[in-house]
C-alpha atoms as a PDB file:
ATOM      1  CA  MET A   1      63.579 -53.073  -1.257  1.00  0.00           C
ATOM      2  CA  PRO A   2      62.484 -51.918  -4.705  1.00  0.00           C
ATOM      3  CA  ARG A   3      64.845 -49.833  -6.792  1.00  0.00           C
ATOM      4  CA  THR A   4      64.348 -46.074  -6.771  1.00  0.00           C
ATOM      5  CA  VAL A   5      64.997 -44.097  -9.945  1.00  0.00           C
ATOM      6  CA  GLN A   6      65.082 -40.359 -10.608  1.00  0.00           C
ATOM      7  CA  VAL A   7      62.819 -39.151 -13.402  1.00  0.00           C
ATOM      8  CA  ASN A   8      64.907 -37.052 -15.799  1.00  0.00           C
ATOM      9  CA  ARG A   9      62.522 -36.499 -18.686  1.00  0.00           C
ATOM     10  CA  TYR A  10      58.804 -36.582 -19.369  1.00  0.00           C
ATOM     11  CA  VAL A  11      58.426 -38.347 -22.737  1.00  0.00           C
ATOM     12  CA  THR A  12      54.731 -38.679 -23.574  1.00  0.00           C
ATOM     13  CA  PRO A  13      51.365 -39.025 -21.830  1.00  0.00           C
ATOM     14  CA  LEU A  14      49.336 -42.230 -22.067  1.00  0.00           C
ATOM     15  CA  ARG A  15      45.928 -40.648 -22.318  1.00  0.00           C
ATOM     16  CA  GLU A  16      44.055 -43.943 -22.529  1.00  0.00           C
ATOM     17  CA  GLY A  17      44.618 -44.352 -18.784  1.00  0.00           C
ATOM     18  CA  GLY A  18      42.101 -42.699 -16.471  1.00  0.00           C
ATOM     19  CA  SER A  19      44.872 -41.251 -14.303  1.00  0.00           C
ATOM     20  CA  MET A  20      46.904 -40.161 -17.356  1.00  0.00           C
ATOM     21  CA  PRO A  21      50.147 -42.041 -16.663  1.00  0.00           C
ATOM     22  CA  ALA A  22      53.162 -41.159 -18.768  1.00  0.00           C
ATOM     23  CA  VAL A  23      56.220 -42.684 -20.376  1.00  0.00           C
ATOM     24  CA  VAL A  24      59.270 -41.148 -18.716  1.00  0.00           C
ATOM     25  CA  GLU A  25      63.035 -41.563 -18.908  1.00  0.00           C
ATOM     26  CA  ALA A  26      64.948 -42.128 -15.679  1.00  0.00           C
ATOM     27  CA  ASP A  27      68.526 -41.637 -14.557  1.00  0.00           C
ATOM     28  CA  ASP A  28      69.354 -45.264 -15.402  1.00  0.00           C
ATOM     29  CA  GLU A  29      68.498 -44.442 -19.070  1.00  0.00           C
ATOM     30  CA  GLY A  30      65.498 -46.757 -18.879  1.00  0.00           C
ATOM     31  CA  LEU A  31      61.947 -45.963 -19.972  1.00  0.00           C
ATOM     32  CA  TYR A  32      59.129 -46.429 -17.472  1.00  0.00           C
ATOM     33  CA  VAL A  33      55.382 -45.952 -17.255  1.00  0.00           C
ATOM     34  CA  LEU A  34      54.971 -43.485 -14.396  1.00  0.00           C
ATOM     35  CA  LYS A  35      51.891 -43.503 -12.160  1.00  0.00           C
ATOM     36  CA  PHE A  36      51.426 -40.096 -10.535  1.00  0.00           C
ATOM     37  CA  ARG A  37      50.710 -39.725  -6.833  1.00  0.00           C
ATOM     38  CA  GLY A  38      48.887 -36.479  -7.617  1.00  0.00           C
ATOM     39  CA  ALA A  39      46.421 -38.075 -10.054  1.00  0.00           C
ATOM     40  CA  GLY A  40      42.724 -38.289  -9.280  1.00  0.00           C
ATOM     41  CA  GLN A  41      42.895 -41.680  -7.556  1.00  0.00           C
ATOM     42  CA  GLY A  42      45.539 -40.402  -5.157  1.00  0.00           C
ATOM     43  CA  ALA A  43      48.284 -42.252  -3.352  1.00  0.00           C
ATOM     44  CA  ARG A  44      46.072 -45.245  -2.534  1.00  0.00           C
ATOM     45  CA  ALA A  45      46.212 -46.214  -6.209  1.00  0.00           C
ATOM     46  CA  LEU A  46      50.005 -46.435  -5.913  1.00  0.00           C
ATOM     47  CA  VAL A  47      49.641 -48.567  -2.779  1.00  0.00           C
ATOM     48  CA  ALA A  48      47.374 -50.926  -4.718  1.00  0.00           C
ATOM     49  CA  GLU A  49      49.777 -50.972  -7.680  1.00  0.00           C
ATOM     50  CA  TRP A  50      52.675 -51.944  -5.449  1.00  0.00           C
ATOM     51  CA  ILE A  51      50.971 -54.494  -3.192  1.00  0.00           C
ATOM     52  CA  SER A  52      48.945 -56.235  -5.893  1.00  0.00           C
ATOM     53  CA  GLY A  53      51.758 -56.151  -8.445  1.00  0.00           C
ATOM     54  CA  GLU A  54      54.223 -57.716  -6.033  1.00  0.00           C
ATOM     55  CA  ILE A  55      51.698 -60.315  -4.853  1.00  0.00           C
ATOM     56  CA  ALA A  56      51.288 -61.256  -8.523  1.00  0.00           C
ATOM     57  CA  ARG A  57      55.064 -61.571  -8.804  1.00  0.00           C
ATOM     58  CA  ALA A  58      55.183 -63.766  -5.681  1.00  0.00           C
ATOM     59  CA  LEU A  59      52.611 -65.996  -7.384  1.00  0.00           C
ATOM     60  CA  GLY A  60      54.893 -66.384 -10.391  1.00  0.00           C
ATOM     61  CA  LEU A  61      52.758 -64.235 -12.670  1.00  0.00           C
ATOM     62  CA  PRO A  62      54.414 -62.064 -15.357  1.00  0.00           C
ATOM     63  CA  VAL A  63      54.559 -58.450 -14.140  1.00  0.00           C
ATOM     64  CA  PRO A  64      56.999 -55.780 -15.390  1.00  0.00           C
ATOM     65  CA  GLU A  65      59.521 -54.567 -12.828  1.00  0.00           C
ATOM     66  CA  ILE A  66      57.960 -52.026 -10.464  1.00  0.00           C
ATOM     67  CA  VAL A  67      60.184 -49.256  -9.135  1.00  0.00           C
ATOM     68  CA  PHE A  68      59.786 -46.176  -6.984  1.00  0.00           C
ATOM     69  CA  ALA A  69      60.293 -42.994  -8.988  1.00  0.00           C
ATOM     70  CA  GLN A  70      61.445 -39.671  -7.588  1.00  0.00           C
ATOM     71  CA  LEU A  71      59.856 -36.789  -9.484  1.00  0.00           C
ATOM     72  CA  ASP A  72      60.973 -33.160  -9.289  1.00  0.00           C
ATOM     73  CA  ALA A  73      58.211 -30.584  -9.782  1.00  0.00           C
ATOM     74  CA  GLU A  74      60.724 -28.515 -11.791  1.00  0.00           C
ATOM     75  CA  LEU A  75      60.066 -30.839 -14.757  1.00  0.00           C
ATOM     76  CA  ALA A  76      56.716 -29.087 -15.170  1.00  0.00           C
ATOM     77  CA  ARG A  77      58.538 -26.060 -16.559  1.00  0.00           C
ATOM     78  CA  THR A  78      59.422 -27.921 -19.767  1.00  0.00           C
ATOM     79  CA  GLU A  79      55.847 -29.037 -20.496  1.00  0.00           C
ATOM     80  CA  GLY A  80      53.486 -26.949 -22.588  1.00  0.00           C
ATOM     81  CA  ASP A  81      50.247 -28.643 -21.502  1.00  0.00           C
ATOM     82  CA  PRO A  82      48.835 -26.973 -18.352  1.00  0.00           C
ATOM     83  CA  GLU A  83      47.119 -30.235 -17.306  1.00  0.00           C
ATOM     84  CA  ILE A  84      50.430 -32.082 -17.385  1.00  0.00           C
ATOM     85  CA  GLN A  85      52.148 -29.221 -15.567  1.00  0.00           C
ATOM     86  CA  ASP A  86      49.589 -29.412 -12.753  1.00  0.00           C
ATOM     87  CA  LEU A  87      49.925 -33.198 -12.541  1.00  0.00           C
ATOM     88  CA  ILE A  88      53.717 -33.052 -12.252  1.00  0.00           C
ATOM     89  CA  ARG A  89      53.602 -30.336  -9.603  1.00  0.00           C
ATOM     90  CA  ALA A  90      50.984 -32.240  -7.586  1.00  0.00           C
ATOM     91  CA  SER A  91      53.188 -35.369  -7.716  1.00  0.00           C
ATOM     92  CA  ASP A  92      56.455 -33.833  -6.528  1.00  0.00           C
ATOM     93  CA  GLY A  93      58.327 -36.492  -4.561  1.00  0.00           C
ATOM     94  CA  LEU A  94      58.005 -40.271  -4.578  1.00  0.00           C
ATOM     95  CA  ASN A  95      55.834 -41.935  -7.210  1.00  0.00           C
ATOM     96  CA  LEU A  96      55.597 -45.410  -8.753  1.00  0.00           C
ATOM     97  CA  ALA A  97      56.640 -46.648 -12.185  1.00  0.00           C
ATOM     98  CA  MET A  98      56.850 -49.897 -14.073  1.00  0.00           C
ATOM     99  CA  ASP A  99      59.201 -51.017 -16.794  1.00  0.00           C
ATOM    100  CA  TYR A 100      58.020 -49.878 -20.223  1.00  0.00           C
ATOM    101  CA  LEU A 101      57.490 -52.768 -22.663  1.00  0.00           C
ATOM    102  CA  PRO A 102      58.291 -51.284 -26.106  1.00  0.00           C
ATOM    103  CA  GLY A 103      56.299 -52.738 -28.972  1.00  0.00           C
ATOM    104  CA  SER A 104      53.799 -54.497 -26.722  1.00  0.00           C
ATOM    105  CA  LEU A 105      50.208 -54.932 -27.890  1.00  0.00           C
ATOM    106  CA  ALA A 106      46.985 -54.902 -25.913  1.00  0.00           C
ATOM    107  CA  PHE A 107      45.524 -58.360 -25.336  1.00  0.00           C
ATOM    108  CA  ASP A 108      42.572 -58.961 -27.640  1.00  0.00           C
ATOM    109  CA  PRO A 109      40.145 -61.625 -26.347  1.00  0.00           C
ATOM    110  CA  ALA A 110      38.736 -62.025 -29.842  1.00  0.00           C
ATOM    111  CA  ALA A 111      42.109 -62.966 -31.318  1.00  0.00           C
ATOM    112  CA  ASP A 112      44.360 -64.238 -28.520  1.00  0.00           C
ATOM    113  CA  ALA A 113      43.848 -67.512 -26.654  1.00  0.00           C
ATOM    114  CA  PRO A 114      45.834 -67.681 -23.391  1.00  0.00           C
ATOM    115  CA  ASP A 115      47.071 -70.838 -21.738  1.00  0.00           C
ATOM    116  CA  ALA A 116      44.458 -72.378 -19.410  1.00  0.00           C
ATOM    117  CA  ASP A 117      46.859 -72.643 -16.483  1.00  0.00           C
ATOM    118  CA  LEU A 118      47.977 -69.010 -16.737  1.00  0.00           C
ATOM    119  CA  ALA A 119      44.412 -67.769 -17.272  1.00  0.00           C
ATOM    120  CA  SER A 120      43.264 -69.689 -14.192  1.00  0.00           C
ATOM    121  CA  ARG A 121      46.062 -68.344 -12.015  1.00  0.00           C
ATOM    122  CA  ILE A 122      45.376 -64.760 -13.124  1.00  0.00           C
ATOM    123  CA  VAL A 123      41.654 -65.121 -12.383  1.00  0.00           C
ATOM    124  CA  TRP A 124      42.535 -66.529  -8.935  1.00  0.00           C
ATOM    125  CA  PHE A 125      44.899 -63.635  -8.249  1.00  0.00           C
ATOM    126  CA  ASP A 126      42.388 -61.006  -9.350  1.00  0.00           C
ATOM    127  CA  SER A 127      39.781 -62.637  -7.095  1.00  0.00           C
ATOM    128  CA  LEU A 128      42.187 -62.378  -4.169  1.00  0.00           C
ATOM    129  CA  VAL A 129      42.911 -58.668  -4.657  1.00  0.00           C
ATOM    130  CA  ARG A 130      39.430 -57.884  -5.997  1.00  0.00           C
ATOM    131  CA  ASN A 131      40.678 -56.322  -9.188  1.00  0.00           C
ATOM    132  CA  VAL A 132      37.671 -54.733 -10.898  1.00  0.00           C
ATOM    133  CA  ASP A 133      39.688 -53.676 -13.939  1.00  0.00           C
ATOM    134  CA  ARG A 134      40.468 -56.765 -16.017  1.00  0.00           C
ATOM    135  CA  THR A 135      37.427 -56.900 -18.265  1.00  0.00           C
ATOM    136  CA  ALA A 136      36.891 -57.079 -22.028  1.00  0.00           C
ATOM    137  CA  ARG A 137      36.427 -53.288 -21.986  1.00  0.00           C
ATOM    138  CA  ASN A 138      39.803 -52.761 -20.330  1.00  0.00           C
ATOM    139  CA  THR A 139      41.930 -55.887 -20.148  1.00  0.00           C
ATOM    140  CA  ASN A 140      45.072 -54.394 -18.561  1.00  0.00           C
ATOM    141  CA  LEU A 141      46.989 -57.212 -20.240  1.00  0.00           C
ATOM    142  CA  LEU A 142      49.789 -56.791 -22.759  1.00  0.00           C
ATOM    143  CA  LEU A 143      51.340 -59.199 -25.233  1.00  0.00           C
ATOM    144  CA  TRP A 144      55.090 -58.714 -25.391  1.00  0.00           C
ATOM    145  CA  HIS A 145      57.455 -61.185 -27.085  1.00  0.00           C
ATOM    146  CA  ARG A 146      54.484 -63.576 -27.357  1.00  0.00           C
ATOM    147  CA  LYS A 147      54.012 -63.555 -23.598  1.00  0.00           C
ATOM    148  CA  LEU A 148      51.115 -62.202 -21.564  1.00  0.00           C
ATOM    149  CA  TRP A 149      51.975 -59.478 -19.030  1.00  0.00           C
ATOM    150  CA  LEU A 150      49.843 -58.038 -16.230  1.00  0.00           C
ATOM    151  CA  ILE A 151      49.743 -54.248 -15.811  1.00  0.00           C
ATOM    152  CA  ASP A 152      47.715 -51.595 -13.974  1.00  0.00           C
ATOM    153  CA  HIS A 153      46.518 -52.754 -10.552  1.00  0.00           C
ATOM    154  CA  GLY A 154      45.532 -49.357  -9.193  1.00  0.00           C
ATOM    155  CA  ALA A 155      41.849 -50.328  -9.144  1.00  0.00           C
ATOM    156  CA  SER A 156      42.438 -53.389  -6.953  1.00  0.00           C
ATOM    157  CA  LEU A 157      42.194 -53.393  -3.138  1.00  0.00           C
ATOM    158  CA  TYR A 158      39.272 -50.996  -3.426  1.00  0.00           C
ATOM    159  CA  PHE A 159      38.371 -51.678   0.214  1.00  0.00           C
ATOM    160  CA  HIS A 160      41.087 -49.221   1.293  1.00  0.00           C
ATOM    161  CA  HIS A 161      39.282 -46.107   0.073  1.00  0.00           C
ATOM    162  CA  GLY A 162      37.612 -44.643   3.149  1.00  0.00           C
ATOM    163  CA  TRP A 163      38.887 -47.618   5.169  1.00  0.00           C
ATOM    164  CA  ASP A 164      39.047 -47.674   8.975  1.00  0.00           C
ATOM    165  CA  GLY A 165      41.633 -50.459   9.136  1.00  0.00           C
ATOM    166  CA  GLY A 166      39.299 -53.310  10.025  1.00  0.00           C
ATOM    167  CA  THR A 167      38.989 -56.707   8.372  1.00  0.00           C
ATOM    168  CA  ASP A 168      35.202 -56.705   7.997  1.00  0.00           C
ATOM    169  CA  GLY A 169      34.269 -57.865   4.534  1.00  0.00           C
ATOM    170  CA  ALA A 170      37.625 -59.482   3.778  1.00  0.00           C
ATOM    171  CA  GLY A 171      35.923 -62.798   3.095  1.00  0.00           C
ATOM    172  CA  ASN A 172      32.999 -61.359   1.158  1.00  0.00           C
ATOM    173  CA  PRO A 173      32.172 -62.558  -2.360  1.00  0.00           C
ATOM    174  CA  PHE A 174      33.560 -60.783  -5.418  1.00  0.00           C
ATOM    175  CA  PRO A 175      30.686 -60.984  -7.930  1.00  0.00           C
ATOM    176  CA  LEU A 176      32.512 -58.862 -10.532  1.00  0.00           C
ATOM    177  CA  ILE A 177      34.751 -61.852 -11.232  1.00  0.00           C
ATOM    178  CA  ARG A 178      32.048 -62.919 -13.683  1.00  0.00           C
ATOM    179  CA  GLU A 179      33.224 -60.079 -15.967  1.00  0.00           C
ATOM    180  CA  HIS A 180      36.884 -61.141 -15.969  1.00  0.00           C
ATOM    181  CA  VAL A 181      38.230 -61.205 -19.508  1.00  0.00           C
ATOM    182  CA  LEU A 182      40.126 -64.479 -18.975  1.00  0.00           C
ATOM    183  CA  LEU A 183      37.319 -66.390 -17.267  1.00  0.00           C
ATOM    184  CA  PRO A 184      36.363 -68.352 -20.432  1.00  0.00           C
ATOM    185  CA  TRP A 185      39.886 -69.850 -20.530  1.00  0.00           C
ATOM    186  CA  ALA A 186      40.179 -70.424 -16.766  1.00  0.00           C
ATOM    187  CA  THR A 187      39.400 -74.127 -16.859  1.00  0.00           C
ATOM    188  CA  GLU A 188      41.949 -75.117 -14.191  1.00  0.00           C
ATOM    189  CA  LEU A 189      40.781 -73.052 -11.232  1.00  0.00           C
ATOM    190  CA  PRO A 190      40.967 -75.867  -8.628  1.00  0.00           C
ATOM    191  CA  GLU A 191      44.583 -76.523  -9.603  1.00  0.00           C
ATOM    192  CA  ALA A 192      45.346 -72.791  -9.614  1.00  0.00           C
ATOM    193  CA  ASP A 193      43.813 -72.491  -6.149  1.00  0.00           C
ATOM    194  CA  ALA A 194      45.981 -75.252  -4.719  1.00  0.00           C
ATOM    195  CA  GLU A 195      49.180 -73.899  -6.264  1.00  0.00           C
ATOM    196  CA  SER A 196      48.596 -70.208  -5.621  1.00  0.00           C
ATOM    197  CA  ALA A 197      47.347 -70.496  -2.045  1.00  0.00           C
ATOM    198  CA  ALA A 198      50.452 -72.545  -1.199  1.00  0.00           C
ATOM    199  CA  ARG A 199      52.733 -69.756  -2.483  1.00  0.00           C
ATOM    200  CA  LEU A 200      51.365 -67.064  -0.157  1.00  0.00           C
ATOM    201  CA  ASP A 201      51.653 -66.725   3.612  1.00  0.00           C
ATOM    202  CA  ARG A 202      51.732 -63.940   6.152  1.00  0.00           C
ATOM    203  CA  PRO A 203      55.526 -63.354   5.983  1.00  0.00           C
ATOM    204  CA  THR A 204      55.375 -63.018   2.187  1.00  0.00           C
ATOM    205  CA  ILE A 205      52.512 -60.535   2.323  1.00  0.00           C
ATOM    206  CA  ALA A 206      54.102 -58.639   5.213  1.00  0.00           C
ATOM    207  CA  GLY A 207      57.376 -58.335   3.308  1.00  0.00           C
ATOM    208  CA  ILE A 208      55.581 -56.747   0.356  1.00  0.00           C
ATOM    209  CA  VAL A 209      53.533 -54.361   2.492  1.00  0.00           C
ATOM    210  CA  ALA A 210      56.605 -53.327   4.507  1.00  0.00           C
ATOM    211  CA  ASP A 211      57.998 -51.530   1.447  1.00  0.00           C
ATOM    212  CA  VAL A 212      54.993 -49.203   1.041  1.00  0.00           C
ATOM    213  CA  PRO A 213      56.422 -45.687   1.589  1.00  0.00           C
ATOM    214  CA  ASP A 214      55.175 -43.555   4.469  1.00  0.00           C
ATOM    215  CA  ALA A 215      54.391 -40.769   1.983  1.00  0.00           C
ATOM    216  CA  TRP A 216      51.681 -42.912   0.376  1.00  0.00           C
ATOM    217  CA  LEU A 217      49.992 -43.638   3.713  1.00  0.00           C
ATOM    218  CA  GLN A 218      49.076 -40.065   4.561  1.00  0.00           C
ATOM    219  CA  GLY A 219      46.194 -37.788   3.669  1.00  0.00           C
ATOM    220  CA  PRO A 220      42.412 -38.104   4.025  1.00  0.00           C
ATOM    221  CA  ASP A 221      42.438 -41.935   4.020  1.00  0.00           C
ATOM    222  CA  ALA A 222      45.068 -42.173   6.761  1.00  0.00           C
ATOM    223  CA  PHE A 223      43.231 -43.781   9.678  1.00  0.00           C
ATOM    224  CA  ALA A 224      46.394 -44.269  11.750  1.00  0.00           C
ATOM    225  CA  ASP A 225      50.171 -43.970  11.582  1.00  0.00           C
ATOM    226  CA  PRO A 226      51.944 -45.728   8.671  1.00  0.00           C
ATOM    227  CA  ALA A 227      53.083 -48.700  10.766  1.00  0.00           C
ATOM    228  CA  ARG A 228      49.530 -49.405  11.932  1.00  0.00           C
ATOM    229  CA  GLN A 229      48.224 -49.055   8.392  1.00  0.00           C
ATOM    230  CA  ARG A 230      50.754 -51.582   7.101  1.00  0.00           C
ATOM    231  CA  GLU A 231      49.726 -54.008   9.827  1.00  0.00           C
ATOM    232  CA  ALA A 232      46.076 -53.509   8.857  1.00  0.00           C
ATOM    233  CA  TYR A 233      46.820 -54.290   5.198  1.00  0.00           C
ATOM    234  CA  VAL A 234      48.551 -57.508   6.215  1.00  0.00           C
ATOM    235  CA  ASP A 235      45.665 -58.520   8.498  1.00  0.00           C
ATOM    236  CA  TYR A 236      43.088 -57.826   5.796  1.00  0.00           C
ATOM    237  CA  LEU A 237      44.947 -59.634   3.018  1.00  0.00           C
ATOM    238  CA  CYS A 238      45.657 -62.658   5.206  1.00  0.00           C
ATOM    239  CA  LYS A 239      41.980 -62.894   6.113  1.00  0.00           C
ATOM    240  CA  ARG A 240      41.138 -62.587   2.430  1.00  0.00           C
ATOM    241  CA  LEU A 241      43.593 -65.387   1.660  1.00  0.00           C
ATOM    242  CA  GLN A 242      41.884 -67.616   4.211  1.00  0.00           C
ATOM    243  CA  ALA A 243      38.748 -67.368   2.049  1.00  0.00           C
ATOM    244  CA  HIS A 244      40.542 -68.715  -1.036  1.00  0.00           C
ATOM    245  CA  ALA A 245      38.318 -71.795  -1.352  1.00  0.00           C
ATOM    246  CA  ASP A 246      35.209 -69.595  -1.332  1.00  0.00           C
ATOM    247  CA  PHE A 247      36.356 -67.102  -3.955  1.00  0.00           C
ATOM    248  CA  THR A 248      37.680 -69.950  -6.113  1.00  0.00           C
ATOM    249  CA  ARG A 249      34.268 -71.615  -5.984  1.00  0.00           C
ATOM    250  CA  GLU A 250      32.699 -68.273  -6.871  1.00  0.00           C
ATOM    251  CA  ALA A 251      34.874 -68.037 -10.003  1.00  0.00           C
ATOM    252  CA  ILE A 252      34.086 -71.628 -10.959  1.00  0.00           C
ATOM    253  CA  ASP A 253      30.357 -70.938 -10.577  1.00  0.00           C
ATOM    254  CA  ALA A 254      30.730 -67.764 -12.652  1.00  0.00           C
ATOM    255  CA  ARG A 255      32.219 -69.823 -15.482  1.00  0.00           C
ATOM    256  CA  GLY A 256      29.214 -72.136 -15.290  1.00  0.00           C
END
């Protein structure tokens, strides 16, 4: 199970994010980047953050620690910005946060050259989860202590918006991989495919999905009870994994 922290203080908004995440301080005295359940993308964005982030971790990719964060709507009283007040009140309860990396810098494709193996494994992972948000316009990659870190996976798993729980389309192509910021350095995709596909199986995926809170599986996109939804996520992702040779070939062709 992930750790759960209590948010004690709202520090500052990160307005460059579409959902306006924020740096917060928790009861363990740590700083975290909080993703709000009440933001425009809704709870499904938190589901994507958790599932995709922990799949990346299972693949050995560098991801900051992800925690569940309990937020009390009373914190809105100390904020002067009405927009932030509304966001805090709408997110009362369980949210998601990731460890804040102080002093980190945004990855710059014009100045930073990543390792071919790591670039290939990240491209493979983003093909698996269909992450549309790792482009030159918005890399969602940080450099911290000279190491590349993956952040912000709320735009992945976009199939689950308006989803009925089926697996149709799980093996479909992902043409947007051609816009991946790391594709020029992903020269070892066949090797990344062999290594990454061997690291994932149904029990691993099911273990990650099992930790998705019930509170995030309710609302207008809730096609069934939480247990059935979790099962549907596992079915879909396993079917997607079965297509790994196809989406790897797609990425290789995109490089060409």
